[in-house]
Structures are given as structure tokens and as C-alpha cells.
């Protein structure tokens, strides 16, 4: 990968500093998949997962994975 010049780096920084990214849930991607996943849960479950994700600085998918792994460990 070719290296950026300092001028190109400043231009790229300015573009992303002044541009707000838009998320389209119709396109595949990590954020769209997480929102789609949480959309099928009831409100209490969704709030719980979002709260835990923020508290532990993890994604909702990581929180769900942790919960599943905990249940599997208890089953053994």
C-alpha cells in the first residue's frame, strides 16, 4: 500500500472530521447486523444488552456471546 503524503493525510482528516457517516440498515455491516439482531428482542432484553454493552465497552453481539458461553459452561 503506498504511503500518503502529508497533504493527502490532512485532506482525508478534514473530510472525515466534517462529514457525518450515515448508517444504512439495508446494507450489510457490523452496525446494521447488530441493530437487526436487537430489533427482534423484547424491550427489556434489548435495554439489558445495550446497558451491559455500554458498561463493559463491548458490542451487543459480544454481550450475547458471553451470556451464551456462560449458559453452556453451566450446562457441563
PDB file of N, CA and C in Angstrom:
ATOM      1  N   UNK A   1       0.859  -1.179   0.000  1.00  0.00           N
ATOM      2  CA  UNK A   1       0.000   0.000   0.000  1.00  0.00           C
ATOM      3  C   UNK A   1       0.900   1.236   0.000  1.00  0.00           C
ATOM      4  N   UNK A   2       0.686   2.122  -0.941  1.00  0.00           N
ATOM      5  CA  UNK A   2       1.520   3.329  -0.988  1.00  0.00           C
ATOM      6  C   UNK A   2       1.202   4.238   0.194  1.00  0.00           C
ATOM      7  N   UNK A   3       2.224   4.916   0.647  1.00  0.00           N
ATOM      8  CA  UNK A   3       2.034   5.825   1.774  1.00  0.00           C
ATOM      9  C   UNK A   3       1.412   7.137   1.292  1.00  0.00           C
ATOM     10  N   UNK A   4       0.635   7.766   2.176  1.00  0.00           N
ATOM     11  CA  UNK A   4       0.019   9.046   1.872  1.00  0.00           C
ATOM     12  C   UNK A   4       1.026  10.162   2.089  1.00  0.00           C
ATOM     13  N   UNK A   5       0.847  11.169   1.300  1.00  0.00           N
ATOM     14  CA  UNK A   5       1.640  12.369   1.550  1.00  0.00           C
ATOM     15  C   UNK A   5       0.992  13.112   2.717  1.00  0.00           C
ATOM     16  N   UNK A   6       1.698  14.042   3.268  1.00  0.00           N
ATOM     17  CA  UNK A   6       1.151  14.819   4.372  1.00  0.00           C
ATOM     18  C   UNK A   6      -0.083  15.605   3.917  1.00  0.00           C
ATOM     19  N   UNK A   7      -0.045  16.099   2.702  1.00  0.00           N
ATOM     20  CA  UNK A   7      -1.170  16.850   2.143  1.00  0.00           C
ATOM     21  C   UNK A   7      -2.405  15.952   2.017  1.00  0.00           C
ATOM     22  N   UNK A   8      -2.218  14.716   1.536  1.00  0.00           N
ATOM     23  CA  UNK A   8      -3.336  13.778   1.406  1.00  0.00           C
ATOM     24  C   UNK A   8      -3.902  13.406   2.776  1.00  0.00           C
ATOM     25  N   UNK A   9      -3.026  13.237   3.746  1.00  0.00           N
ATOM     26  CA  UNK A   9      -3.474  12.894   5.094  1.00  0.00           C
ATOM     27  C   UNK A   9      -4.311  14.024   5.696  1.00  0.00           C
ATOM     28  N   UNK A  10      -3.874  15.266   5.516  1.00  0.00           N
ATOM     29  CA  UNK A  10      -4.649  16.401   6.024  1.00  0.00           C
ATOM     30  C   UNK A  10      -6.001  16.502   5.321  1.00  0.00           C
ATOM     31  N   UNK A  11      -6.038  16.257   4.017  1.00  0.00           N
ATOM     32  CA  UNK A  11      -7.293  16.312   3.266  1.00  0.00           C
ATOM     33  C   UNK A  11      -8.251  15.229   3.747  1.00  0.00           C
ATOM     34  N   UNK A  12      -7.735  14.022   3.969  1.00  0.00           N
ATOM     35  CA  UNK A  12      -8.575  12.923   4.443  1.00  0.00           C
ATOM     36  C   UNK A  12      -9.092  13.207   5.857  1.00  0.00           C
ATOM     37  N   UNK A  13      -8.229  13.731   6.709  1.00  0.00           N
ATOM     38  CA  UNK A  13      -8.633  14.085   8.067  1.00  0.00           C
ATOM     39  C   UNK A  13      -9.734  15.138   8.046  1.00  0.00           C
ATOM     40  N   UNK A  14      -9.580  16.148   7.210  1.00  0.00           N
ATOM     41  CA  UNK A  14     -10.591  17.204   7.125  1.00  0.00           C
ATOM     42  C   UNK A  14     -11.921  16.653   6.623  1.00  0.00           C
ATOM     43  N   UNK A  15     -11.863  15.768   5.631  1.00  0.00           N
ATOM     44  CA  UNK A  15     -13.096  15.183   5.082  1.00  0.00           C
ATOM     45  C   UNK A  15     -13.863  14.431   6.168  1.00  0.00           C
ATOM     46  N   UNK A  16     -13.184  13.554   6.923  1.00  0.00           N
ATOM     47  CA  UNK A  16     -13.872  12.746   7.923  1.00  0.00           C
ATOM     48  C   UNK A  16     -14.220  13.536   9.173  1.00  0.00           C
ATOM     49  N   UNK A  17     -13.534  14.622   9.434  1.00  0.00           N
ATOM     50  CA  UNK A  17     -13.871  15.475  10.567  1.00  0.00           C
ATOM     51  C   UNK A  17     -15.152  16.251  10.295  1.00  0.00           C
ATOM     52  N   UNK A  18     -15.356  16.641   9.040  1.00  0.00           N
ATOM     53  CA  UNK A  18     -16.519  17.467   8.687  1.00  0.00           C
ATOM     54  C   UNK A  18     -17.678  16.665   8.107  1.00  0.00           C
ATOM     55  N   UNK A  19     -17.514  15.360   7.931  1.00  0.00           N
ATOM     56  CA  UNK A  19     -18.560  14.530   7.331  1.00  0.00           C
ATOM     57  C   UNK A  19     -19.127  13.586   8.384  1.00  0.00           C
ATOM     58  N   UNK A  20     -20.437  13.572   8.527  1.00  0.00           N
ATOM     59  CA  UNK A  20     -21.081  12.652   9.447  1.00  0.00           C
ATOM     60  C   UNK A  20     -21.395  11.359   8.701  1.00  0.00           C
ATOM     61  N   UNK A  21     -20.847  10.238   9.158  1.00  0.00           N
ATOM     62  CA  UNK A  21     -21.142   8.975   8.479  1.00  0.00           C
ATOM     63  C   UNK A  21     -22.612   8.619   8.626  1.00  0.00           C
ATOM     64  N   UNK A  22     -23.174   8.030   7.603  1.00  0.00           N
ATOM     65  CA  UNK A  22     -24.571   7.600   7.621  1.00  0.00           C
ATOM     66  C   UNK A  22     -24.607   6.078   7.604  1.00  0.00           C
ATOM     67  N   UNK A  23     -25.451   5.518   8.439  1.00  0.00           N
ATOM     68  CA  UNK A  23     -25.590   4.071   8.506  1.00  0.00           C
ATOM     69  C   UNK A  23     -26.879   3.681   7.807  1.00  0.00           C
ATOM     70  N   UNK A  24     -26.773   2.752   6.881  1.00  0.00           N
ATOM     71  CA  UNK A  24     -27.929   2.246   6.156  1.00  0.00           C
ATOM     72  C   UNK A  24     -28.182   0.820   6.614  1.00  0.00           C
ATOM     73  N   UNK A  25     -29.272   0.560   7.364  1.00  0.00           N
ATOM     74  CA  UNK A  25     -29.522  -0.790   7.866  1.00  0.00           C
ATOM     75  C   UNK A  25     -29.826  -1.805   6.760  1.00  0.00           C
ATOM     76  N   UNK A  26     -30.082  -1.326   5.539  1.00  0.00           N
ATOM     77  CA  UNK A  26     -30.333  -2.233   4.435  1.00  0.00           C
ATOM     78  C   UNK A  26     -29.047  -2.827   3.866  1.00  0.00           C
ATOM     79  N   UNK A  27     -27.921  -2.211   4.170  1.00  0.00           N
ATOM     80  CA  UNK A  27     -26.636  -2.715   3.689  1.00  0.00           C
ATOM     81  C   UNK A  27     -25.999  -3.574   4.770  1.00  0.00           C
ATOM     82  N   UNK A  28     -25.307  -4.633   4.372  1.00  0.00           N
ATOM     83  CA  UNK A  28     -24.664  -5.475   5.381  1.00  0.00           C
ATOM     84  C   UNK A  28     -23.501  -4.741   6.045  1.00  0.00           C
ATOM     85  N   UNK A  29     -23.333  -4.980   7.294  1.00  0.00           N
ATOM     86  CA  UNK A  29     -22.260  -4.358   8.056  1.00  0.00           C
ATOM     87  C   UNK A  29     -22.460  -4.642   9.522  1.00  0.00           C
ATOM     88  N   UNK A  30     -21.432  -4.444  10.314  1.00  0.00           N
ATOM     89  CA  UNK A  30     -21.495  -4.801  11.727  1.00  0.00           C
ATOM     90  C   UNK A  30     -22.581  -4.041  12.467  1.00  0.00           C
ATOM     91  N   UNK A  31     -22.726  -2.750  12.233  1.00  0.00           N
ATOM     92  CA  UNK A  31     -23.730  -1.973  12.956  1.00  0.00           C
ATOM     93  C   UNK A  31     -25.136  -2.320  12.495  1.00  0.00           C
ATOM     94  N   UNK A  32     -25.316  -2.535  11.209  1.00  0.00           N
ATOM     95  CA  UNK A  32     -26.627  -2.899  10.691  1.00  0.00           C
ATOM     96  C   UNK A  32     -27.051  -4.258  11.230  1.00  0.00           C
ATOM     97  N   UNK A  33     -26.122  -5.209  11.289  1.00  0.00           N
ATOM     98  CA  UNK A  33     -26.453  -6.537  11.801  1.00  0.00           C
ATOM     99  C   UNK A  33     -26.801  -6.484  13.280  1.00  0.00           C
ATOM    100  N   UNK A  34     -26.093  -5.659  14.052  1.00  0.00           N
ATOM    101  CA  UNK A  34     -26.388  -5.561  15.477  1.00  0.00           C
ATOM    102  C   UNK A  34     -27.758  -4.952  15.699  1.00  0.00           C
ATOM    103  N   UNK A  35     -28.091  -3.912  14.947  1.00  0.00           N
ATOM    104  CA  UNK A  35     -29.408  -3.296  15.101  1.00  0.00           C
ATOM    105  C   UNK A  35     -30.512  -4.254  14.686  1.00  0.00           C
ATOM    106  N   UNK A  36     -30.281  -5.029  13.643  1.00  0.00           N
ATOM    107  CA  UNK A  36     -31.272  -6.002  13.201  1.00  0.00           C
ATOM    108  C   UNK A  36     -31.446  -7.078  14.261  1.00  0.00           C
ATOM    109  N   UNK A  37     -30.350  -7.497  14.872  1.00  0.00           N
ATOM    110  CA  UNK A  37     -30.399  -8.514  15.916  1.00  0.00           C
ATOM    111  C   UNK A  37     -31.199  -8.016  17.113  1.00  0.00           C
ATOM    112  N   UNK A  38     -30.934  -6.794  17.534  1.00  0.00           N
ATOM    113  CA  UNK A  38     -31.638  -6.258  18.695  1.00  0.00           C
ATOM    114  C   UNK A  38     -33.093  -5.936  18.386  1.00  0.00           C
ATOM    115  N   UNK A  39     -33.418  -5.764  17.121  1.00  0.00           N
ATOM    116  CA  UNK A  39     -34.788  -5.447  16.743  1.00  0.00           C
ATOM    117  C   UNK A  39     -35.773  -6.566  17.008  1.00  0.00           C
ATOM    118  N   UNK A  40     -35.303  -7.810  17.133  1.00  0.00           N
ATOM    119  CA  UNK A  40     -36.207  -8.936  17.352  1.00  0.00           C
ATOM    120  C   UNK A  40     -36.411  -9.247  18.831  1.00  0.00           C
ATOM    121  N   UNK A  41     -35.667  -8.574  19.697  1.00  0.00           N
ATOM    122  CA  UNK A  41     -35.791  -8.817  21.128  1.00  0.00           C
ATOM    123  C   UNK A  41     -36.884  -7.954  21.742  1.00  0.00           C
ATOM    124  N   UNK A  42     -37.381  -8.391  22.890  1.00  0.00           N
ATOM    125  CA  UNK A  42     -38.341  -7.554  23.598  1.00  0.00           C
ATOM    126  C   UNK A  42     -37.602  -6.365  24.202  1.00  0.00           C
ATOM    127  N   UNK A  43     -38.320  -5.367  24.616  1.00  0.00           N
ATOM    128  CA  UNK A  43     -37.732  -4.110  25.083  1.00  0.00           C
ATOM    129  C   UNK A  43     -36.831  -4.299  26.291  1.00  0.00           C
ATOM    130  N   UNK A  44     -37.225  -5.177  27.224  1.00  0.00           N
ATOM    131  CA  UNK A  44     -36.422  -5.389  28.434  1.00  0.00           C
ATOM    132  C   UNK A  44     -35.080  -6.020  28.073  1.00  0.00           C
ATOM    133  N   UNK A  45     -35.108  -7.037  27.216  1.00  0.00           N
ATOM    134  CA  UNK A  45     -33.868  -7.701  26.800  1.00  0.00           C
ATOM    135  C   UNK A  45     -32.965  -6.749  26.040  1.00  0.00           C
ATOM    136  N   UNK A  46     -33.552  -5.969  25.151  1.00  0.00           N
ATOM    137  CA  UNK A  46     -32.770  -5.009  24.375  1.00  0.00           C
ATOM    138  C   UNK A  46     -32.100  -3.978  25.286  1.00  0.00           C
ATOM    139  N   UNK A  47     -32.851  -3.443  26.248  1.00  0.00           N
ATOM    140  CA  UNK A  47     -32.282  -2.469  27.190  1.00  0.00           C
ATOM    141  C   UNK A  47     -31.159  -3.088  28.014  1.00  0.00           C
ATOM    142  N   UNK A  48     -31.356  -4.323  28.460  1.00  0.00           N
ATOM    143  CA  UNK A  48     -30.350  -5.007  29.261  1.00  0.00           C
ATOM    144  C   UNK A  48     -29.055  -5.171  28.468  1.00  0.00           C
ATOM    145  N   UNK A  49     -29.170  -5.656  27.235  1.00  0.00           N
ATOM    146  CA  UNK A  49     -27.989  -5.895  26.410  1.00  0.00           C
ATOM    147  C   UNK A  49     -27.282  -4.595  26.074  1.00  0.00           C
ATOM    148  N   UNK A  50     -28.043  -3.569  25.707  1.00  0.00           N
ATOM    149  CA  UNK A  50     -27.421  -2.272  25.406  1.00  0.00           C
ATOM    150  C   UNK A  50     -26.728  -1.679  26.640  1.00  0.00           C
ATOM    151  N   UNK A  51     -27.348  -1.790  27.804  1.00  0.00           N
ATOM    152  CA  UNK A  51     -26.760  -1.260  29.034  1.00  0.00           C
ATOM    153  C   UNK A  51     -25.468  -1.983  29.376  1.00  0.00           C
ATOM    154  N   UNK A  52     -25.484  -3.317  29.291  1.00  0.00           N
ATOM    155  CA  UNK A  52     -24.275  -4.097  29.563  1.00  0.00           C
ATOM    156  C   UNK A  52     -23.181  -3.786  28.547  1.00  0.00           C
ATOM    157  N   UNK A  53     -23.561  -3.633  27.286  1.00  0.00           N
ATOM    158  CA  UNK A  53     -22.576  -3.333  26.238  1.00  0.00           C
ATOM    159  C   UNK A  53     -21.884  -2.005  26.510  1.00  0.00           C
ATOM    160  N   UNK A  54     -22.654  -1.001  26.897  1.00  0.00           N
ATOM    161  CA  UNK A  54     -22.066   0.298  27.208  1.00  0.00           C
ATOM    162  C   UNK A  54     -21.194   0.224  28.459  1.00  0.00           C
ATOM    163  N   UNK A  55     -21.661  -0.491  29.478  1.00  0.00           N
ATOM    164  CA  UNK A  55     -20.920  -0.576  30.735  1.00  0.00           C
ATOM    165  C   UNK A  55     -19.580  -1.292  30.563  1.00  0.00           C
ATOM    166  N   UNK A  56     -19.571  -2.342  29.754  1.00  0.00           N
ATOM    167  CA  UNK A  56     -18.343  -3.123  29.562  1.00  0.00           C
ATOM    168  C   UNK A  56     -17.585  -2.748  28.297  1.00  0.00           C
ATOM    169  N   UNK A  57     -18.064  -1.726  27.598  1.00  0.00           N
ATOM    170  CA  UNK A  57     -17.450  -1.268  26.350  1.00  0.00           C
ATOM    171  C   UNK A  57     -17.266  -2.428  25.367  1.00  0.00           C
ATOM    172  N   UNK A  58     -18.355  -3.161  25.163  1.00  0.00           N
ATOM    173  CA  UNK A  58     -18.391  -4.272  24.223  1.00  0.00           C
ATOM    174  C   UNK A  58     -19.542  -4.039  23.258  1.00  0.00           C
ATOM    175  N   UNK A  59     -19.578  -4.833  22.201  1.00  0.00           N
ATOM    176  CA  UNK A  59     -20.698  -4.759  21.276  1.00  0.00           C
ATOM    177  C   UNK A  59     -21.850  -5.602  21.833  1.00  0.00           C
ATOM    178  N   UNK A  60     -23.079  -5.333  21.396  1.00  0.00           N
ATOM    179  CA  UNK A  60     -24.193  -6.181  21.822  1.00  0.00           C
ATOM    180  C   UNK A  60     -23.962  -7.651  21.470  1.00  0.00           C
ATOM    181  N   UNK A  61     -23.361  -7.920  20.321  1.00  0.00           N
ATOM    182  CA  UNK A  61     -23.085  -9.306  19.931  1.00  0.00           C
ATOM    183  C   UNK A  61     -22.127  -9.974  20.915  1.00  0.00           C
ATOM    184  N   UNK A  62     -21.144  -9.231  21.413  1.00  0.00           N
ATOM    185  CA  UNK A  62     -20.202  -9.788  22.397  1.00  0.00           C
ATOM    186  C   UNK A  62     -20.914 -10.093  23.714  1.00  0.00           C
ATOM    187  N   UNK A  63     -21.840  -9.249  24.120  1.00  0.00           N
ATOM    188  CA  UNK A  63     -22.606  -9.487  25.347  1.00  0.00           C
ATOM    189  C   UNK A  63     -23.456 -10.742  25.194  1.00  0.00           C
ATOM    190  N   UNK A  64     -24.120 -10.888  24.063  1.00  0.00           N
ATOM    191  CA  UNK A  64     -24.939 -12.078  23.825  1.00  0.00           C
ATOM    192  C   UNK A  64     -24.058 -13.320  23.812  1.00  0.00           C
ATOM    193  N   UNK A  65     -22.909 -13.235  23.172  1.00  0.00           N
ATOM    194  CA  UNK A  65     -21.976 -14.360  23.144  1.00  0.00           C
ATOM    195  C   UNK A  65     -21.538 -14.731  24.552  1.00  0.00           C
ATOM    196  N   UNK A  66     -21.228 -13.740  25.376  1.00  0.00           N
ATOM    197  CA  UNK A  66     -20.836 -14.002  26.760  1.00  0.00           C
ATOM    198  C   UNK A  66     -21.952 -14.716  27.525  1.00  0.00           C
ATOM    199  N   UNK A  67     -23.190 -14.276  27.322  1.00  0.00           N
ATOM    200  CA  UNK A  67     -24.321 -14.903  28.002  1.00  0.00           C
ATOM    201  C   UNK A  67     -24.490 -16.356  27.569  1.00  0.00           C
ATOM    202  N   UNK A  68     -24.355 -16.611  26.276  1.00  0.00           N
ATOM    203  CA  UNK A  68     -24.487 -17.980  25.760  1.00  0.00           C
ATOM    204  C   UNK A  68     -23.369 -18.858  26.308  1.00  0.00           C
ATOM    205  N   UNK A  69     -22.132 -18.348  26.281  1.00  0.00           N
ATOM    206  CA  UNK A  69     -20.995 -19.128  26.788  1.00  0.00           C
ATOM    207  C   UNK A  69     -21.154 -19.433  28.279  1.00  0.00           C
ATOM    208  N   UNK A  70     -21.687 -18.475  29.024  1.00  0.00           N
ATOM    209  CA  UNK A  70     -21.936 -18.685  30.458  1.00  0.00           C
ATOM    210  C   UNK A  70     -22.941 -19.809  30.663  1.00  0.00           C
ATOM    211  N   UNK A  71     -24.015 -19.794  29.876  1.00  0.00           N
ATOM    212  CA  UNK A  71     -25.036 -20.851  29.990  1.00  0.00           C
ATOM    213  C   UNK A  71     -24.455 -22.207  29.605  1.00  0.00           C
ATOM    214  N   UNK A  72     -23.633 -22.236  28.559  1.00  0.00           N
ATOM    215  CA  UNK A  72     -23.018 -23.504  28.148  1.00  0.00           C
ATOM    216  C   UNK A  72     -22.061 -24.035  29.217  1.00  0.00           C
ATOM    217  N   UNK A  73     -21.329 -23.154  29.845  1.00  0.00           N
ATOM    218  CA  UNK A  73     -20.408 -23.569  30.907  1.00  0.00           C
ATOM    219  C   UNK A  73     -21.157 -24.148  32.105  1.00  0.00           C
ATOM    220  N   UNK A  74     -22.323 -23.603  32.381  1.00  0.00           N
ATOM    221  CA  UNK A  74     -23.131 -24.090  33.498  1.00  0.00           C
ATOM    222  C   UNK A  74     -23.753 -25.452  33.191  1.00  0.00           C
ATOM    223  N   UNK A  75     -23.952 -25.746  31.903  1.00  0.00           N
ATOM    224  CA  UNK A  75     -24.593 -26.997  31.496  1.00  0.00           C
ATOM    225  C   UNK A  75     -23.643 -28.183  31.588  1.00  0.00           C
ATOM    226  N   UNK A  76     -22.362 -27.920  31.617  1.00  0.00           N
ATOM    227  CA  UNK A  76     -21.376 -29.018  31.627  1.00  0.00           C
ATOM    228  C   UNK A  76     -21.189 -29.569  33.008  1.00  0.00           C
TER     229      UNK A  76
END
